[in-house]
Amino acid sequence: EIPDLEKEWDAIFAMIAKKNLNLSEEEIQQEID
């Protein structure tokens, strides 16, 4: 079973929007790194 990465990213961005964090993609990538 290979996870659908696009769905996972959509869920992450939805959670960020719900919490009103307003993080940029660059900030998210920095956190991942």
PDB file of all heavy atoms in Angstrom:
ATOM      1  N   GLU A   1       0.859  -1.185   0.000  1.00  0.00           N
ATOM      2  CA  GLU A   1       0.000   0.000   0.000  1.00  0.00           C
ATOM      3  C   GLU A   1       0.895   1.234   0.000  1.00  0.00           C
ATOM      4  O   GLU A   1       1.649   1.456   0.940  1.00  0.00           O
ATOM      5  CB  GLU A   1      -0.909   0.013   1.239  1.00  0.00           C
ATOM      6  CG  GLU A   1      -1.834  -1.180   1.355  1.00  0.00           C
ATOM      7  CD  GLU A   1      -2.953  -1.183   0.323  1.00  0.00           C
ATOM      8  OE1 GLU A   1      -3.261  -0.122  -0.247  1.00  0.00           O
ATOM      9  OE2 GLU A   1      -3.518  -2.256   0.087  1.00  0.00           O
ATOM     10  N   ILE A   2       0.818   2.018  -1.051  1.00  0.00           N
ATOM     11  CA  ILE A   2       1.616   3.236  -1.160  1.00  0.00           C
ATOM     12  C   ILE A   2       0.694   4.417  -0.894  1.00  0.00           C
ATOM     13  O   ILE A   2      -0.328   4.571  -1.565  1.00  0.00           O
ATOM     14  CB  ILE A   2       2.260   3.346  -2.552  1.00  0.00           C
ATOM     15  CG1 ILE A   2       3.163   2.134  -2.780  1.00  0.00           C
ATOM     16  CG2 ILE A   2       3.021   4.652  -2.695  1.00  0.00           C
ATOM     17  CD1 ILE A   2       3.761   2.045  -4.153  1.00  0.00           C
ATOM     18  N   PRO A   3       1.039   5.236   0.106  1.00  0.00           N
ATOM     19  CA  PRO A   3       0.154   6.359   0.440  1.00  0.00           C
ATOM     20  C   PRO A   3       0.081   7.384  -0.692  1.00  0.00           C
ATOM     21  O   PRO A   3       1.030   7.563  -1.447  1.00  0.00           O
ATOM     22  CB  PRO A   3       0.805   6.971   1.681  1.00  0.00           C
ATOM     23  CG  PRO A   3       2.218   6.513   1.661  1.00  0.00           C
ATOM     24  CD  PRO A   3       2.237   5.214   0.927  1.00  0.00           C
ATOM     25  N   ASP A   4      -1.059   8.022  -0.800  1.00  0.00           N
ATOM     26  CA  ASP A   4      -1.270   9.074  -1.795  1.00  0.00           C
ATOM     27  C   ASP A   4      -0.717  10.369  -1.209  1.00  0.00           C
ATOM     28  O   ASP A   4      -1.334  11.003  -0.347  1.00  0.00           O
ATOM     29  CB  ASP A   4      -2.763   9.208  -2.103  1.00  0.00           C
ATOM     30  CG  ASP A   4      -3.051  10.207  -3.203  1.00  0.00           C
ATOM     31  OD1 ASP A   4      -2.226  11.122  -3.429  1.00  0.00           O
ATOM     32  OD2 ASP A   4      -4.104  10.076  -3.841  1.00  0.00           O
ATOM     33  N   LEU A   5       0.483  10.761  -1.657  1.00  0.00           N
ATOM     34  CA  LEU A   5       1.150  11.933  -1.093  1.00  0.00           C
ATOM     35  C   LEU A   5       0.377  13.225  -1.341  1.00  0.00           C
ATOM     36  O   LEU A   5       0.389  14.118  -0.499  1.00  0.00           O
ATOM     37  CB  LEU A   5       2.570  12.045  -1.638  1.00  0.00           C
ATOM     38  CG  LEU A   5       3.499  10.897  -1.266  1.00  0.00           C
ATOM     39  CD1 LEU A   5       4.879  11.109  -1.874  1.00  0.00           C
ATOM     40  CD2 LEU A   5       3.608  10.752   0.238  1.00  0.00           C
ATOM     41  N   GLU A   6      -0.299  13.307  -2.475  1.00  0.00           N
ATOM     42  CA  GLU A   6      -1.073  14.521  -2.748  1.00  0.00           C
ATOM     43  C   GLU A   6      -2.190  14.686  -1.716  1.00  0.00           C
ATOM     44  O   GLU A   6      -2.409  15.789  -1.201  1.00  0.00           O
ATOM     45  CB  GLU A   6      -1.660  14.463  -4.158  1.00  0.00           C
ATOM     46  CG  GLU A   6      -2.361  15.749  -4.566  1.00  0.00           C
ATOM     47  CD  GLU A   6      -2.803  15.744  -6.019  1.00  0.00           C
ATOM     48  OE1 GLU A   6      -2.323  14.908  -6.802  1.00  0.00           O
ATOM     49  OE2 GLU A   6      -3.645  16.586  -6.355  1.00  0.00           O
ATOM     50  N   LYS A   7      -2.858  13.591  -1.369  1.00  0.00           N
ATOM     51  CA  LYS A   7      -3.911  13.657  -0.343  1.00  0.00           C
ATOM     52  C   LYS A   7      -3.323  14.022   1.018  1.00  0.00           C
ATOM     53  O   LYS A   7      -3.921  14.782   1.776  1.00  0.00           O
ATOM     54  CB  LYS A   7      -4.649  12.320  -0.246  1.00  0.00           C
ATOM     55  CG  LYS A   7      -5.601  12.067  -1.377  1.00  0.00           C
ATOM     56  CD  LYS A   7      -6.358  10.772  -1.164  1.00  0.00           C
ATOM     57  CE  LYS A   7      -7.288  10.480  -2.327  1.00  0.00           C
ATOM     58  NZ  LYS A   7      -7.995   9.200  -2.156  1.00  0.00           N
ATOM     59  N   GLU A   8      -2.140  13.485   1.322  1.00  0.00           N
ATOM     60  CA  GLU A   8      -1.504  13.807   2.602  1.00  0.00           C
ATOM     61  C   GLU A   8      -1.150  15.293   2.677  1.00  0.00           C
ATOM     62  O   GLU A   8      -1.369  15.938   3.696  1.00  0.00           O
ATOM     63  CB  GLU A   8      -0.259  12.941   2.822  1.00  0.00           C
ATOM     64  CG  GLU A   8      -0.605  11.506   3.158  1.00  0.00           C
ATOM     65  CD  GLU A   8       0.604  10.678   3.551  1.00  0.00           C
ATOM     66  OE1 GLU A   8       1.670  11.266   3.868  1.00  0.00           O
ATOM     67  OE2 GLU A   8       0.483   9.451   3.549  1.00  0.00           O
ATOM     68  N   TRP A   9      -0.592  15.832   1.576  1.00  0.00           N
ATOM     69  CA  TRP A   9      -0.266  17.254   1.557  1.00  0.00           C
ATOM     70  C   TRP A   9      -1.529  18.105   1.678  1.00  0.00           C
ATOM     71  O   TRP A   9      -1.542  19.115   2.388  1.00  0.00           O
ATOM     72  CB  TRP A   9       0.502  17.625   0.292  1.00  0.00           C
ATOM     73  CG  TRP A   9       1.976  17.447   0.423  1.00  0.00           C
ATOM     74  CD1 TRP A   9       2.724  16.499  -0.200  1.00  0.00           C
ATOM     75  CD2 TRP A   9       2.879  18.187   1.235  1.00  0.00           C
ATOM     76  NE1 TRP A   9       4.033  16.618   0.175  1.00  0.00           N
ATOM     77  CE2 TRP A   9       4.163  17.645   1.052  1.00  0.00           C
ATOM     78  CE3 TRP A   9       2.726  19.250   2.108  1.00  0.00           C
ATOM     79  CZ2 TRP A   9       5.283  18.150   1.709  1.00  0.00           C
ATOM     80  CZ3 TRP A   9       3.849  19.744   2.765  1.00  0.00           C
ATOM     81  CH2 TRP A   9       5.110  19.196   2.563  1.00  0.00           C
ATOM     82  N   ASP A  10      -2.595  17.715   0.975  1.00  0.00           N
ATOM     83  CA  ASP A  10      -3.857  18.451   1.075  1.00  0.00           C
ATOM     84  C   ASP A  10      -4.351  18.469   2.518  1.00  0.00           C
ATOM     85  O   ASP A  10      -4.832  19.492   3.009  1.00  0.00           O
ATOM     86  CB  ASP A  10      -4.917  17.838   0.157  1.00  0.00           C
ATOM     87  CG  ASP A  10      -4.639  18.088  -1.320  1.00  0.00           C
ATOM     88  OD1 ASP A  10      -3.800  18.974  -1.631  1.00  0.00           O
ATOM     89  OD2 ASP A  10      -5.245  17.399  -2.162  1.00  0.00           O
ATOM     90  N   ALA A  11      -4.218  17.332   3.215  1.00  0.00           N
ATOM     91  CA  ALA A  11      -4.650  17.261   4.614  1.00  0.00           C
ATOM     92  C   ALA A  11      -3.791  18.162   5.495  1.00  0.00           C
ATOM     93  O   ALA A  11      -4.309  18.836   6.408  1.00  0.00           O
ATOM     94  CB  ALA A  11      -4.578  15.814   5.114  1.00  0.00           C
ATOM     95  N   ILE A  12      -2.489  18.214   5.229  1.00  0.00           N
ATOM     96  CA  ILE A  12      -1.595  19.082   6.013  1.00  0.00           C
ATOM     97  C   ILE A  12      -1.974  20.543   5.812  1.00  0.00           C
ATOM     98  O   ILE A  12      -2.107  21.308   6.773  1.00  0.00           O
ATOM     99  CB  ILE A  12      -0.120  18.837   5.617  1.00  0.00           C
ATOM    100  CG1 ILE A  12       0.323  17.463   6.124  1.00  0.00           C
ATOM    101  CG2 ILE A  12       0.780  19.943   6.171  1.00  0.00           C
ATOM    102  CD1 ILE A  12       1.658  16.996   5.574  1.00  0.00           C
ATOM    103  N   PHE A  13      -2.173  20.942   4.541  1.00  0.00           N
ATOM    104  CA  PHE A  13      -2.529  22.335   4.274  1.00  0.00           C
ATOM    105  C   PHE A  13      -3.909  22.677   4.845  1.00  0.00           C
ATOM    106  O   PHE A  13      -4.128  23.792   5.319  1.00  0.00           O
ATOM    107  CB  PHE A  13      -2.456  22.637   2.778  1.00  0.00           C
ATOM    108  CG  PHE A  13      -1.048  22.808   2.277  1.00  0.00           C
ATOM    109  CD1 PHE A  13      -0.506  21.903   1.392  1.00  0.00           C
ATOM    110  CD2 PHE A  13      -0.262  23.864   2.705  1.00  0.00           C
ATOM    111  CE1 PHE A  13       0.802  22.048   0.930  1.00  0.00           C
ATOM    112  CE2 PHE A  13       1.045  24.030   2.255  1.00  0.00           C
ATOM    113  CZ  PHE A  13       1.577  23.114   1.365  1.00  0.00           C
ATOM    114  N   ALA A  14      -4.837  21.732   4.826  1.00  0.00           N
ATOM    115  CA  ALA A  14      -6.159  21.970   5.417  1.00  0.00           C
ATOM    116  C   ALA A  14      -6.036  22.189   6.921  1.00  0.00           C
ATOM    117  O   ALA A  14      -6.695  23.069   7.486  1.00  0.00           O
ATOM    118  CB  ALA A  14      -7.087  20.800   5.119  1.00  0.00           C
ATOM    119  N   MET A  15      -5.176  21.391   7.586  1.00  0.00           N
ATOM    120  CA  MET A  15      -4.977  21.548   9.020  1.00  0.00           C
ATOM    121  C   MET A  15      -4.344  22.915   9.326  1.00  0.00           C
ATOM    122  O   MET A  15      -4.747  23.601  10.268  1.00  0.00           O
ATOM    123  CB  MET A  15      -4.071  20.437   9.549  1.00  0.00           C
ATOM    124  CG  MET A  15      -3.818  20.512  11.039  1.00  0.00           C
ATOM    125  SD  MET A  15      -2.659  19.262  11.621  1.00  0.00           S
ATOM    126  CE  MET A  15      -1.162  19.762  10.785  1.00  0.00           C
ATOM    127  N   ILE A  16      -3.386  23.323   8.506  1.00  0.00           N
ATOM    128  CA  ILE A  16      -2.737  24.622   8.698  1.00  0.00           C
ATOM    129  C   ILE A  16      -3.756  25.747   8.539  1.00  0.00           C
ATOM    130  O   ILE A  16      -3.806  26.681   9.340  1.00  0.00           O
ATOM    131  CB  ILE A  16      -1.565  24.788   7.710  1.00  0.00           C
ATOM    132  CG1 ILE A  16      -0.422  23.842   8.101  1.00  0.00           C
ATOM    133  CG2 ILE A  16      -1.077  26.234   7.658  1.00  0.00           C
ATOM    134  CD1 ILE A  16       0.663  23.717   7.056  1.00  0.00           C
ATOM    135  N   ALA A  17      -4.604  25.637   7.520  1.00  0.00           N
ATOM    136  CA  ALA A  17      -5.625  26.664   7.284  1.00  0.00           C
ATOM    137  C   ALA A  17      -6.628  26.693   8.430  1.00  0.00           C
ATOM    138  O   ALA A  17      -7.031  27.775   8.881  1.00  0.00           O
ATOM    139  CB  ALA A  17      -6.329  26.403   5.964  1.00  0.00           C
ATOM    140  N   LYS A  18      -7.013  25.510   8.923  1.00  0.00           N
ATOM    141  CA  LYS A  18      -7.992  25.433  10.016  1.00  0.00           C
ATOM    142  C   LYS A  18      -7.445  26.088  11.284  1.00  0.00           C
ATOM    143  O   LYS A  18      -8.175  26.754  12.010  1.00  0.00           O
ATOM    144  CB  LYS A  18      -8.342  23.961  10.287  1.00  0.00           C
ATOM    145  CG  LYS A  18      -9.392  23.760  11.340  1.00  0.00           C
ATOM    146  CD  LYS A  18      -9.719  22.290  11.499  1.00  0.00           C
ATOM    147  CE  LYS A  18     -10.766  22.104  12.584  1.00  0.00           C
ATOM    148  NZ  LYS A  18     -11.081  20.687  12.770  1.00  0.00           N
ATOM    149  N   LYS A  19      -6.157  25.907  11.523  1.00  0.00           N
ATOM    150  CA  LYS A  19      -5.529  26.490  12.722  1.00  0.00           C
ATOM    151  C   LYS A  19      -5.078  27.925  12.472  1.00  0.00           C
ATOM    152  O   LYS A  19      -4.519  28.562  13.354  1.00  0.00           O
ATOM    153  CB  LYS A  19      -4.349  25.632  13.165  1.00  0.00           C
ATOM    154  CG  LYS A  19      -4.789  24.277  13.684  1.00  0.00           C
ATOM    155  CD  LYS A  19      -3.630  23.491  14.224  1.00  0.00           C
ATOM    156  CE  LYS A  19      -4.134  22.164  14.791  1.00  0.00           C
ATOM    157  NZ  LYS A  19      -3.080  21.420  15.460  1.00  0.00           N
ATOM    158  N   ASN A  20      -5.331  28.398  11.254  1.00  0.00           N
ATOM    159  CA  ASN A  20      -5.006  29.773  10.879  1.00  0.00           C
ATOM    160  C   ASN A  20      -3.529  30.096  11.123  1.00  0.00           C
ATOM    161  O   ASN A  20      -3.189  31.151  11.644  1.00  0.00           O
ATOM    162  CB  ASN A  20      -5.916  30.764  11.614  1.00  0.00           C
ATOM    163  CG  ASN A  20      -6.014  32.083  10.877  1.00  0.00           C
ATOM    164  OD1 ASN A  20      -5.721  32.156   9.690  1.00  0.00           O
ATOM    165  ND2 ASN A  20      -6.410  33.117  11.586  1.00  0.00           N
ATOM    166  N   LEU A  21      -2.645  29.172  10.728  1.00  0.00           N
ATOM    167  CA  LEU A  21      -1.218  29.352  10.959  1.00  0.00           C
ATOM    168  C   LEU A  21      -0.547  30.207   9.879  1.00  0.00           C
ATOM    169  O   LEU A  21       0.496  30.790  10.118  1.00  0.00           O
ATOM    170  CB  LEU A  21      -0.520  27.987  11.049  1.00  0.00           C
ATOM    171  CG  LEU A  21      -0.957  27.109  12.213  1.00  0.00           C
ATOM    172  CD1 LEU A  21      -0.253  25.757  12.131  1.00  0.00           C
ATOM    173  CD2 LEU A  21      -0.651  27.779  13.544  1.00  0.00           C
ATOM    174  N   ASN A  22      -1.133  30.241   8.699  1.00  0.00           N
ATOM    175  CA  ASN A  22      -0.618  31.052   7.595  1.00  0.00           C
ATOM    176  C   ASN A  22       0.875  30.840   7.344  1.00  0.00           C
ATOM    177  O   ASN A  22       1.652  31.786   7.269  1.00  0.00           O
ATOM    178  CB  ASN A  22      -0.894  32.538   7.838  1.00  0.00           C
ATOM    179  CG  ASN A  22      -2.369  32.836   7.867  1.00  0.00           C
ATOM    180  OD1 ASN A  22      -3.134  32.242   7.117  1.00  0.00           O
ATOM    181  ND2 ASN A  22      -2.784  33.734   8.741  1.00  0.00           N
ATOM    182  N   LEU A  23       1.283  29.597   7.225  1.00  0.00           N
ATOM    183  CA  LEU A  23       2.677  29.269   6.923  1.00  0.00           C
ATOM    184  C   LEU A  23       2.866  29.203   5.418  1.00  0.00           C
ATOM    185  O   LEU A  23       2.008  28.712   4.695  1.00  0.00           O
ATOM    186  CB  LEU A  23       3.058  27.921   7.534  1.00  0.00           C
ATOM    187  CG  LEU A  23       3.019  27.821   9.055  1.00  0.00           C
ATOM    188  CD1 LEU A  23       3.254  26.381   9.484  1.00  0.00           C
ATOM    189  CD2 LEU A  23       4.058  28.730   9.688  1.00  0.00           C
ATOM    190  N   SER A  24       4.019  29.674   4.961  1.00  0.00           N
ATOM    191  CA  SER A  24       4.335  29.570   3.536  1.00  0.00           C
ATOM    192  C   SER A  24       4.878  28.171   3.255  1.00  0.00           C
ATOM    193  O   SER A  24       5.269  27.443   4.171  1.00  0.00           O
ATOM    194  CB  SER A  24       5.384  30.614   3.152  1.00  0.00           C
ATOM    195  OG  SER A  24       6.634  30.283   3.741  1.00  0.00           O
ATOM    196  N   GLU A  25       4.928  27.821   1.966  1.00  0.00           N
ATOM    197  CA  GLU A  25       5.492  26.522   1.603  1.00  0.00           C
ATOM    198  C   GLU A  25       6.953  26.440   2.037  1.00  0.00           C
ATOM    199  O   GLU A  25       7.429  25.393   2.438  1.00  0.00           O
ATOM    200  CB  GLU A  25       5.366  26.284   0.098  1.00  0.00           C
ATOM    201  CG  GLU A  25       3.957  25.924  -0.323  1.00  0.00           C
ATOM    202  CD  GLU A  25       3.883  25.420  -1.755  1.00  0.00           C
ATOM    203  OE1 GLU A  25       4.760  24.630  -2.146  1.00  0.00           O
ATOM    204  OE2 GLU A  25       2.954  25.838  -2.460  1.00  0.00           O
ATOM    205  N   GLU A  26       7.663  27.554   1.955  1.00  0.00           N
ATOM    206  CA  GLU A  26       9.074  27.579   2.365  1.00  0.00           C
ATOM    207  C   GLU A  26       9.203  27.296   3.872  1.00  0.00           C
ATOM    208  O   GLU A  26      10.073  26.525   4.288  1.00  0.00           O
ATOM    209  CB  GLU A  26       9.695  28.933   2.033  1.00  0.00           C
ATOM    210  CG  GLU A  26      11.173  29.009   2.361  1.00  0.00           C
ATOM    211  CD  GLU A  26      11.781  30.349   1.984  1.00  0.00           C
ATOM    212  OE1 GLU A  26      11.316  30.984   1.019  1.00  0.00           O
ATOM    213  OE2 GLU A  26      12.730  30.746   2.658  1.00  0.00           O
ATOM    214  N   GLU A  27       8.324  27.878   4.671  1.00  0.00           N
ATOM    215  CA  GLU A  27       8.363  27.638   6.120  1.00  0.00           C
ATOM    216  C   GLU A  27       8.026  26.180   6.440  1.00  0.00           C
ATOM    217  O   GLU A  27       8.636  25.568   7.317  1.00  0.00           O
ATOM    218  CB  GLU A  27       7.389  28.576   6.842  1.00  0.00           C
ATOM    219  CG  GLU A  27       7.819  30.024   6.817  1.00  0.00           C
ATOM    220  CD  GLU A  27       6.731  30.972   7.287  1.00  0.00           C
ATOM    221  OE1 GLU A  27       5.571  30.805   6.868  1.00  0.00           O
ATOM    222  OE2 GLU A  27       7.053  31.868   8.080  1.00  0.00           O
ATOM    223  N   ILE A  28       7.078  25.634   5.714  1.00  0.00           N
ATOM    224  CA  ILE A  28       6.712  24.230   5.915  1.00  0.00           C
ATOM    225  C   ILE A  28       7.894  23.338   5.555  1.00  0.00           C
ATOM    226  O   ILE A  28       8.236  22.409   6.292  1.00  0.00           O
ATOM    227  CB  ILE A  28       5.466  23.863   5.083  1.00  0.00           C
ATOM    228  CG1 ILE A  28       4.247  24.608   5.624  1.00  0.00           C
ATOM    229  CG2 ILE A  28       5.231  22.352   5.098  1.00  0.00           C
ATOM    230  CD1 ILE A  28       3.039  24.522   4.730  1.00  0.00           C
ATOM    231  N   GLN A  29       8.563  23.629   4.427  1.00  0.00           N
ATOM    232  CA  GLN A  29       9.718  22.835   4.014  1.00  0.00           C
ATOM    233  C   GLN A  29      10.845  22.937   5.039  1.00  0.00           C
ATOM    234  O   GLN A  29      11.518  21.941   5.328  1.00  0.00           O
ATOM    235  CB  GLN A  29      10.214  23.274   2.635  1.00  0.00           C
ATOM    236  CG  GLN A  29      11.305  22.379   2.069  1.00  0.00           C
ATOM    237  CD  GLN A  29      10.832  20.943   1.879  1.00  0.00           C
ATOM    238  OE1 GLN A  29       9.817  20.695   1.252  1.00  0.00           O
ATOM    239  NE2 GLN A  29      11.569  19.992   2.426  1.00  0.00           N
ATOM    240  N   GLN A  30      11.041  24.100   5.628  1.00  0.00           N
ATOM    241  CA  GLN A  30      12.062  24.261   6.667  1.00  0.00           C
ATOM    242  C   GLN A  30      11.749  23.381   7.877  1.00  0.00           C
ATOM    243  O   GLN A  30      12.648  22.771   8.461  1.00  0.00           O
ATOM    244  CB  GLN A  30      12.166  25.724   7.090  1.00  0.00           C
ATOM    245  CG  GLN A  30      12.803  26.617   6.044  1.00  0.00           C
ATOM    246  CD  GLN A  30      12.717  28.094   6.392  1.00  0.00           C
ATOM    247  OE1 GLN A  30      12.068  28.490   7.353  1.00  0.00           O
ATOM    248  NE2 GLN A  30      13.378  28.920   5.582  1.00  0.00           N
ATOM    249  N   GLU A  31      10.476  23.313   8.246  1.00  0.00           N
ATOM    250  CA  GLU A  31      10.077  22.462   9.375  1.00  0.00           C
ATOM    251  C   GLU A  31      10.311  20.989   9.052  1.00  0.00           C
ATOM    252  O   GLU A  31      10.795  20.222   9.885  1.00  0.00           O
ATOM    253  CB  GLU A  31       8.603  22.696   9.741  1.00  0.00           C
ATOM    254  CG  GLU A  31       8.333  24.016  10.421  1.00  0.00           C
ATOM    255  CD  GLU A  31       9.047  24.136  11.755  1.00  0.00           C
ATOM    256  OE1 GLU A  31       9.079  23.140  12.522  1.00  0.00           O
ATOM    257  OE2 GLU A  31       9.578  25.216  12.030  1.00  0.00           O
ATOM    258  N   ILE A  32       9.966  20.597   7.836  1.00  0.00           N
ATOM    259  CA  ILE A  32      10.184  19.208   7.413  1.00  0.00           C
ATOM    260  C   ILE A  32      11.675  18.878   7.459  1.00  0.00           C
ATOM    261  O   ILE A  32      12.076  17.835   7.977  1.00  0.00           O
ATOM    262  CB  ILE A  32       9.610  18.972   5.996  1.00  0.00           C
ATOM    263  CG1 ILE A  32       8.082  19.035   6.027  1.00  0.00           C
ATOM    264  CG2 ILE A  32      10.090  17.641   5.420  1.00  0.00           C
ATOM    265  CD1 ILE A  32       7.437  19.066   4.665  1.00  0.00           C
ATOM    266  N   ASP A  33      12.497  19.777   6.923  1.00  0.00           N
ATOM    267  CA  ASP A  33      13.945  19.560   6.934  1.00  0.00           C
ATOM    268  C   ASP A  33      14.477  19.459   8.357  1.00  0.00           C
ATOM    269  O   ASP A  33      15.355  18.636   8.642  1.00  0.00           O
ATOM    270  CB  ASP A  33      14.666  20.681   6.182  1.00  0.00           C
ATOM    271  CG  ASP A  33      14.363  20.678   4.679  1.00  0.00           C
ATOM    272  OD1 ASP A  33      13.912  19.623   4.163  1.00  0.00           O
ATOM    273  OD2 ASP A  33      14.581  21.721   4.035  1.00  0.00           O
TER     274      ASP A  33
END
